[in-house]
């Protein structure tokens, strides 16, 4: 399945998609920069 990426403020969210084996996932991961470091939640 397809996932989507959305930027909001200083964050980028990755929503859904599929894993390396082609199984659908419903996870949400966020990325943001703080003090020169990439934070992944």
PDB file of N, CA and C in Angstrom:
ATOM      1  N   UNK A   1       0.812  -1.186   0.000  1.00  0.00           N
ATOM      2  CA  UNK A   1       0.000   0.000   0.000  1.00  0.00           C
ATOM      3  C   UNK A   1       0.855   1.250   0.000  1.00  0.00           C
ATOM      4  N   UNK A   2       0.240   2.316  -0.284  1.00  0.00           N
ATOM      5  CA  UNK A   2       0.927   3.594  -0.337  1.00  0.00           C
ATOM      6  C   UNK A   2       0.873   4.284   1.014  1.00  0.00           C
ATOM      7  N   UNK A   3       1.930   4.995   1.337  1.00  0.00           N
ATOM      8  CA  UNK A   3       1.962   5.838   2.518  1.00  0.00           C
ATOM      9  C   UNK A   3       1.888   7.287   2.082  1.00  0.00           C
ATOM     10  N   UNK A   4       1.900   8.159   3.056  1.00  0.00           N
ATOM     11  CA  UNK A   4       1.837   9.586   2.754  1.00  0.00           C
ATOM     12  C   UNK A   4       2.806  10.314   3.676  1.00  0.00           C
ATOM     13  N   UNK A   5       3.375  11.402   3.197  1.00  0.00           N
ATOM     14  CA  UNK A   5       4.206  12.265   4.038  1.00  0.00           C
ATOM     15  C   UNK A   5       3.553  13.638   4.089  1.00  0.00           C
ATOM     16  N   UNK A   6       3.581  14.229   5.285  1.00  0.00           N
ATOM     17  CA  UNK A   6       2.938  15.522   5.516  1.00  0.00           C
ATOM     18  C   UNK A   6       3.883  16.379   6.338  1.00  0.00           C
ATOM     19  N   UNK A   7       4.092  17.611   5.920  1.00  0.00           N
ATOM     20  CA  UNK A   7       4.871  18.530   6.749  1.00  0.00           C
ATOM     21  C   UNK A   7       3.907  19.432   7.508  1.00  0.00           C
ATOM     22  N   UNK A   8       4.248  19.677   8.772  1.00  0.00           N
ATOM     23  CA  UNK A   8       3.431  20.534   9.627  1.00  0.00           C
ATOM     24  C   UNK A   8       4.378  21.271  10.557  1.00  0.00           C
ATOM     25  N   UNK A   9       4.463  22.575  10.413  1.00  0.00           N
ATOM     26  CA  UNK A   9       5.423  23.339  11.212  1.00  0.00           C
ATOM     27  C   UNK A   9       6.831  22.904  10.867  1.00  0.00           C
ATOM     28  N   UNK A  10       7.598  22.522  11.881  1.00  0.00           N
ATOM     29  CA  UNK A  10       8.976  22.084  11.657  1.00  0.00           C
ATOM     30  C   UNK A  10       9.107  20.565  11.671  1.00  0.00           C
ATOM     31  N   UNK A  11       7.990  19.841  11.504  1.00  0.00           N
ATOM     32  CA  UNK A  11       8.019  18.380  11.513  1.00  0.00           C
ATOM     33  C   UNK A  11       7.546  17.813  10.180  1.00  0.00           C
ATOM     34  N   UNK A  12       8.037  16.618   9.870  1.00  0.00           N
ATOM     35  CA  UNK A  12       7.557  15.845   8.733  1.00  0.00           C
ATOM     36  C   UNK A  12       7.042  14.524   9.287  1.00  0.00           C
ATOM     37  N   UNK A  13       5.835  14.138   8.883  1.00  0.00           N
ATOM     38  CA  UNK A  13       5.216  12.897   9.342  1.00  0.00           C
ATOM     39  C   UNK A  13       5.141  11.910   8.185  1.00  0.00           C
ATOM     40  N   UNK A  14       5.528  10.666   8.450  1.00  0.00           N
ATOM     41  CA  UNK A  14       5.358   9.575   7.496  1.00  0.00           C
ATOM     42  C   UNK A  14       4.242   8.701   8.035  1.00  0.00           C
ATOM     43  N   UNK A  15       3.202   8.492   7.248  1.00  0.00           N
ATOM     44  CA  UNK A  15       2.001   7.798   7.714  1.00  0.00           C
ATOM     45  C   UNK A  15       1.736   6.596   6.814  1.00  0.00           C
ATOM     46  N   UNK A  16       1.688   5.424   7.438  1.00  0.00           N
ATOM     47  CA  UNK A  16       1.332   4.202   6.719  1.00  0.00           C
ATOM     48  C   UNK A  16       2.358   3.789   5.691  1.00  0.00           C
ATOM     49  N   UNK A  17       1.911   2.964   4.757  1.00  0.00           N
ATOM     50  CA  UNK A  17       2.774   2.441   3.711  1.00  0.00           C
ATOM     51  C   UNK A  17       2.897   0.939   3.835  1.00  0.00           C
ATOM     52  N   UNK A  18       4.062   0.421   3.470  1.00  0.00           N
ATOM     53  CA  UNK A  18       4.296  -1.016   3.593  1.00  0.00           C
ATOM     54  C   UNK A  18       5.743  -1.261   3.966  1.00  0.00           C
ATOM     55  N   UNK A  19       5.992  -2.440   4.563  1.00  0.00           N
ATOM     56  CA  UNK A  19       7.352  -2.785   4.962  1.00  0.00           C
ATOM     57  C   UNK A  19       8.087  -3.445   3.794  1.00  0.00           C
ATOM     58  N   UNK A  20       9.303  -3.907   4.036  1.00  0.00           N
ATOM     59  CA  UNK A  20      10.128  -4.491   2.978  1.00  0.00           C
ATOM     60  C   UNK A  20       9.516  -5.759   2.388  1.00  0.00           C
ATOM     61  N   UNK A  21       8.639  -6.425   3.141  1.00  0.00           N
ATOM     62  CA  UNK A  21       7.997  -7.654   2.659  1.00  0.00           C
ATOM     63  C   UNK A  21       6.652  -7.383   1.990  1.00  0.00           C
ATOM     64  N   UNK A  22       6.279  -6.102   1.836  1.00  0.00           N
ATOM     65  CA  UNK A  22       5.039  -5.747   1.167  1.00  0.00           C
ATOM     66  C   UNK A  22       3.808  -5.780   2.050  1.00  0.00           C
ATOM     67  N   UNK A  23       3.994  -5.957   3.352  1.00  0.00           N
ATOM     68  CA  UNK A  23       2.863  -5.965   4.287  1.00  0.00           C
ATOM     69  C   UNK A  23       2.482  -4.532   4.633  1.00  0.00           C
ATOM     70  N   UNK A  24       1.185  -4.210   4.649  1.00  0.00           N
ATOM     71  CA  UNK A  24       0.764  -2.848   4.996  1.00  0.00           C
ATOM     72  C   UNK A  24       1.060  -2.518   6.454  1.00  0.00           C
ATOM     73  N   UNK A  25       1.415  -1.278   6.704  1.00  0.00           N
ATOM     74  CA  UNK A  25       1.655  -0.797   8.068  1.00  0.00           C
ATOM     75  C   UNK A  25       0.829   0.467   8.300  1.00  0.00           C
ATOM     76  N   UNK A  26       0.438   0.671   9.547  1.00  0.00           N
ATOM     77  CA  UNK A  26      -0.365   1.857   9.887  1.00  0.00           C
ATOM     78  C   UNK A  26       0.383   2.781  10.842  1.00  0.00           C
ATOM     79  N   UNK A  27       1.693   2.628  10.920  1.00  0.00           N
ATOM     80  CA  UNK A  27       2.484   3.430  11.848  1.00  0.00           C
ATOM     81  C   UNK A  27       2.617   4.874  11.381  1.00  0.00           C
ATOM     82  N   UNK A  28       2.919   5.746  12.336  1.00  0.00           N
ATOM     83  CA  UNK A  28       3.193   7.157  12.063  1.00  0.00           C
ATOM     84  C   UNK A  28       4.559   7.471  12.655  1.00  0.00           C
ATOM     85  N   UNK A  29       5.459   8.009  11.846  1.00  0.00           N
ATOM     86  CA  UNK A  29       6.796   8.390  12.289  1.00  0.00           C
ATOM     87  C   UNK A  29       6.970   9.873  12.013  1.00  0.00           C
ATOM     88  N   UNK A  30       7.563  10.595  12.977  1.00  0.00           N
ATOM     89  CA  UNK A  30       7.794  12.025  12.759  1.00  0.00           C
ATOM     90  C   UNK A  30       9.284  12.328  12.800  1.00  0.00           C
ATOM     91  N   UNK A  31       9.685  13.302  12.007  1.00  0.00           N
ATOM     92  CA  UNK A  31      11.066  13.764  11.927  1.00  0.00           C
ATOM     93  C   UNK A  31      11.083  15.264  12.179  1.00  0.00           C
ATOM     94  N   UNK A  32      12.043  15.709  12.976  1.00  0.00           N
ATOM     95  CA  UNK A  32      12.224  17.139  13.194  1.00  0.00           C
ATOM     96  C   UNK A  32      13.689  17.403  13.521  1.00  0.00           C
ATOM     97  N   UNK A  33      14.151  18.609  13.248  1.00  0.00           N
ATOM     98  CA  UNK A  33      15.518  19.002  13.585  1.00  0.00           C
ATOM     99  C   UNK A  33      15.496  19.841  14.855  1.00  0.00           C
ATOM    100  N   UNK A  34      16.345  19.495  15.805  1.00  0.00           N
ATOM    101  CA  UNK A  34      16.495  20.264  17.039  1.00  0.00           C
ATOM    102  C   UNK A  34      17.982  20.413  17.339  1.00  0.00           C
ATOM    103  N   UNK A  35      18.429  21.631  17.445  1.00  0.00           N
ATOM    104  CA  UNK A  35      19.831  21.923  17.761  1.00  0.00           C
ATOM    105  C   UNK A  35      20.793  21.183  16.835  1.00  0.00           C
ATOM    106  N   UNK A  36      20.456  21.095  15.559  1.00  0.00           N
ATOM    107  CA  UNK A  36      21.323  20.443  14.588  1.00  0.00           C
ATOM    108  C   UNK A  36      21.250  18.932  14.586  1.00  0.00           C
ATOM    109  N   UNK A  37      20.351  18.351  15.363  1.00  0.00           N
ATOM    110  CA  UNK A  37      20.197  16.899  15.429  1.00  0.00           C
ATOM    111  C   UNK A  37      18.842  16.485  14.872  1.00  0.00           C
ATOM    112  N   UNK A  38      18.822  15.379  14.156  1.00  0.00           N
ATOM    113  CA  UNK A  38      17.574  14.836  13.632  1.00  0.00           C
ATOM    114  C   UNK A  38      16.913  13.989  14.708  1.00  0.00           C
ATOM    115  N   UNK A  39      15.681  14.343  15.076  1.00  0.00           N
ATOM    116  CA  UNK A  39      14.914  13.566  16.049  1.00  0.00           C
ATOM    117  C   UNK A  39      13.869  12.759  15.303  1.00  0.00           C
ATOM    118  N   UNK A  40      13.809  11.466  15.605  1.00  0.00           N
ATOM    119  CA  UNK A  40      12.839  10.567  14.994  1.00  0.00           C
ATOM    120  C   UNK A  40      11.972   9.997  16.099  1.00  0.00           C
ATOM    121  N   UNK A  41      10.650  10.174  15.966  1.00  0.00           N
ATOM    122  CA  UNK A  41       9.713   9.659  16.972  1.00  0.00           C
ATOM    123  C   UNK A  41       8.729   8.728  16.310  1.00  0.00           C
TER     124      UNK A  41
END
